[in-house]
Structure formats: C-alpha cells, structure tokens
Amino acid sequence: TYPISQLNGTPQVAVVYASGDITVTSGVGLVLLWDAETLDTGGFHSTSTNTGRLTVTTAGYYRLVTSIVVTAGSGGSFAAVNVTIRFQKNGSSNIRQVYVPVIASDLTTLFMSEVVLAAADDYYEVTITQSSGVNLIVESGNSISAFSIEKLNGTT
C-alpha cells in the first residue's frame, strides 16, 4: 500500500519543446534549446534564460525522457549516418547516450530515458551530434520533439 501523501497533490514535472525547427550542422555538437513548455509544475525550466536546461530545485530521484524526430538532409556522402543524443549533467558530464542510424531524407525518431539521483541546482540538457556532411533538422512542435523531467516519489 502507498501512503496517501504520495498519492495526492500535483506531481513535479516539466515537458518542454522547441517552437521552431532546429538545424544541426554536421560535425558540430549542439545543446538543444527548448523555448516553449507544455507544462512545468516544478519550476524546472525558463523560456527566456538557459532554455536548454531542466534544473532541479530539490534533491531526489528524477526521470529524464527525450523523444526527438530528425530529418536528415540529402546529399553528402552518406546513405546512413549515426546521430548521437546525450543527457548531459551540469554542462559537462554525459550520463546516457544513444546512437541511432539515420537515412538521408527520412524521418527518424530518437528516444532516451534515464533515472538520476540529483542534488539541488543540478541541471540536465540534451545534446545532439552528427557527421553526415549535410545539415540535420530536429523537427519542432509540442507533439513531435520534447524533453521532460519528473520527480519520483521517495526519499534520497
């Protein structure tokens, strides 16, 4: 059984997305910027400052999830190329990464999830890299590409 205190109340969660497509230049790593929110009940995100970050205010366990749809440009010298997405902690530590092959001119969905133990003021970002020789586009919109954080019940 669960204590009633864990079942009542508003969950601490944020879901953020980009309102416009994001161009990923070949050979250049990029922190994805999220300038819009579906919701933010935990004060994790700002739409005006450091928009790529989801920042923890209370220490605890958190679930990070990102789902990104990319379109690979045509041309260059590739039939398929690996695209790498990462969860990055505090601007430097890579805590999870996924490599996905992307076919030229096709839509591809990249998905990643991780549970972390965070201290107050830790922040998390999604980075993306690719080396196809042509630009890649991260598709925008609240139902297409997004990044979320959810505080999990329990103690640290």
Protein backbone atom coordinates (compact mmCIF):
# COMPACT_ATOMS: atom_id res chain seq x y z
CA THR A 1 0.00 0.00 0.00
CA TYR A 2 1.01 3.62 -0.59
CA PRO A 3 0.81 6.41 1.98
CA ILE A 4 -1.98 8.79 0.94
CA SER A 5 0.54 11.67 0.99
CA GLN A 6 2.25 10.09 -2.02
CA LEU A 7 -0.98 9.79 -3.99
CA ASN A 8 -2.36 13.32 -3.51
CA GLY A 9 -1.13 16.61 -4.93
CA THR A 10 0.37 17.84 -8.15
CA PRO A 11 3.39 15.94 -9.48
CA GLN A 12 6.58 17.89 -10.08
CA VAL A 13 7.08 17.59 -13.83
CA ALA A 14 8.09 19.66 -16.85
CA VAL A 15 7.67 18.98 -20.56
CA VAL A 16 9.45 21.36 -22.91
CA TYR A 17 9.80 21.65 -26.67
CA ALA A 18 11.12 23.91 -29.44
CA SER A 19 8.62 26.12 -31.23
CA GLY A 20 10.72 26.13 -34.42
CA ASP A 21 12.87 23.57 -36.23
CA ILE A 22 16.50 23.29 -35.07
CA THR A 23 19.33 22.89 -37.59
CA VAL A 24 22.16 20.56 -36.53
CA THR A 25 25.30 21.30 -38.53
CA SER A 26 27.46 18.33 -39.45
CA GLY A 27 30.43 17.89 -37.13
CA VAL A 28 29.18 20.42 -34.54
CA GLY A 29 27.78 19.31 -31.18
CA LEU A 30 24.70 21.21 -30.10
CA VAL A 31 22.71 21.65 -26.88
CA LEU A 32 19.06 21.57 -27.92
CA LEU A 33 17.16 24.69 -26.89
CA TRP A 34 13.56 24.38 -25.73
CA ASP A 35 11.80 27.74 -25.85
CA ALA A 36 8.27 26.54 -25.03
CA GLU A 37 6.55 24.42 -22.39
CA THR A 38 3.61 22.06 -22.35
CA LEU A 39 3.72 22.25 -18.55
CA ASP A 40 6.11 22.99 -15.69
CA THR A 41 4.72 22.32 -12.23
CA GLY A 42 8.14 22.08 -10.55
CA GLY A 43 9.83 25.29 -11.71
CA PHE A 44 12.41 23.29 -13.70
CA HIS A 45 12.55 25.43 -16.86
CA SER A 46 12.84 29.00 -18.10
CA THR A 47 11.65 30.03 -21.56
CA SER A 48 13.99 33.05 -21.57
CA THR A 49 17.27 32.04 -19.84
CA ASN A 50 19.28 28.84 -20.40
CA THR A 51 16.36 27.33 -22.31
CA GLY A 52 18.18 24.07 -22.94
CA ARG A 53 18.24 23.28 -19.22
CA LEU A 54 15.91 21.49 -16.86
CA THR A 55 17.13 22.45 -13.38
CA VAL A 56 16.37 20.54 -10.19
CA THR A 57 15.40 22.64 -7.16
CA THR A 58 15.01 19.80 -4.63
CA ALA A 59 17.38 16.85 -4.27
CA GLY A 60 15.87 13.49 -5.17
CA TYR A 61 15.31 10.89 -7.85
CA TYR A 62 14.16 12.12 -11.26
CA ARG A 63 13.19 10.54 -14.56
CA LEU A 64 14.51 12.24 -17.71
CA VAL A 65 12.92 11.46 -21.07
CA THR A 66 13.52 12.85 -24.53
CA SER A 67 11.95 11.99 -27.85
CA ILE A 68 13.40 13.75 -30.88
CA VAL A 69 12.33 13.49 -34.52
CA VAL A 70 15.06 14.33 -37.03
CA THR A 71 15.12 14.71 -40.79
CA ALA A 72 18.43 14.04 -42.46
CA GLY A 73 19.26 16.19 -45.46
CA SER A 74 20.07 14.60 -48.79
CA GLY A 75 23.42 14.85 -50.47
CA GLY A 76 26.77 14.50 -48.82
CA SER A 77 28.50 11.15 -48.90
CA PHE A 78 26.25 9.02 -46.76
CA ALA A 79 23.46 6.55 -47.11
CA ALA A 80 23.13 6.31 -43.34
CA VAL A 81 24.91 8.08 -40.50
CA ASN A 82 24.87 7.68 -36.74
CA VAL A 83 23.28 10.51 -34.82
CA THR A 84 24.14 10.71 -31.13
CA ILE A 85 21.93 12.19 -28.46
CA ARG A 86 23.09 12.56 -24.86
CA PHE A 87 21.78 13.57 -21.48
CA GLN A 88 24.35 15.93 -20.07
CA LYS A 89 24.57 16.90 -16.38
CA ASN A 90 25.76 20.35 -15.30
CA GLY A 91 27.17 21.18 -18.73
CA SER A 92 29.87 18.53 -18.84
CA SER A 93 29.06 15.02 -17.58
CA ASN A 94 27.45 12.70 -20.13
CA ILE A 95 25.16 10.39 -18.20
CA ARG A 96 23.46 8.48 -21.05
CA GLN A 97 23.81 8.41 -24.81
CA VAL A 98 22.11 6.73 -27.72
CA TYR A 99 23.43 6.21 -31.25
CA VAL A 100 20.83 5.87 -33.98
CA PRO A 101 21.42 5.39 -37.71
CA VAL A 102 19.59 7.98 -39.79
CA ILE A 103 18.85 7.53 -43.51
CA ALA A 104 19.16 10.50 -45.87
CA SER A 105 15.83 12.29 -46.48
CA ASP A 106 13.97 10.13 -43.92
CA LEU A 107 12.31 10.97 -40.60
CA THR A 108 13.85 9.15 -37.64
CA THR A 109 12.75 9.16 -34.00
CA LEU A 110 15.39 9.06 -31.29
CA PHE A 111 14.26 8.13 -27.76
CA MET A 112 16.12 8.07 -24.48
CA SER A 113 15.14 7.71 -20.80
CA GLU A 114 17.17 7.68 -17.59
CA VAL A 115 16.61 7.82 -13.82
CA VAL A 116 19.07 10.03 -11.93
CA LEU A 117 19.78 10.98 -8.33
CA ALA A 118 20.11 14.76 -8.45
CA ALA A 119 21.23 17.39 -6.00
CA ALA A 120 19.53 20.77 -5.76
CA ASP A 121 20.72 23.04 -8.62
CA ASP A 122 21.86 20.16 -10.86
CA TYR A 123 20.72 20.76 -14.41
CA TYR A 124 20.25 18.47 -17.38
CA GLU A 125 20.43 19.11 -21.13
CA VAL A 126 20.00 17.11 -24.32
CA THR A 127 22.88 17.34 -26.79
CA ILE A 128 23.00 16.10 -30.37
CA THR A 129 25.87 15.43 -32.78
CA GLN A 130 26.15 14.03 -36.27
CA SER A 131 28.79 13.90 -39.03
CA SER A 132 26.90 13.27 -42.25
CA GLY A 133 28.38 16.17 -44.21
CA VAL A 134 24.95 17.80 -44.52
CA ASN A 135 22.60 19.51 -42.08
CA LEU A 136 20.10 17.59 -40.00
CA ILE A 137 16.82 19.11 -38.81
CA VAL A 138 15.24 18.50 -35.40
CA GLU A 139 11.52 18.76 -36.08
CA SER A 140 9.64 21.13 -33.77
CA GLY A 141 6.29 21.26 -32.03
CA ASN A 142 4.92 20.07 -28.72
CA SER A 143 3.80 16.70 -30.10
CA ILE A 144 6.97 15.99 -32.09
CA SER A 145 10.26 16.61 -30.19
CA ALA A 146 10.35 17.16 -26.44
CA PHE A 147 12.38 16.86 -23.24
CA SER A 148 10.84 16.10 -19.84
CA ILE A 149 11.72 15.68 -16.19
CA GLU A 150 9.62 14.12 -13.45
CA LYS A 151 10.40 13.95 -9.73
CA LEU A 152 9.90 10.41 -8.47
CA ASN A 153 8.33 9.69 -5.10
CA GLY A 154 10.57 8.50 -2.33
CA THR A 155 13.48 9.80 -0.33
CA THR A 156 17.08 10.44 -1.19
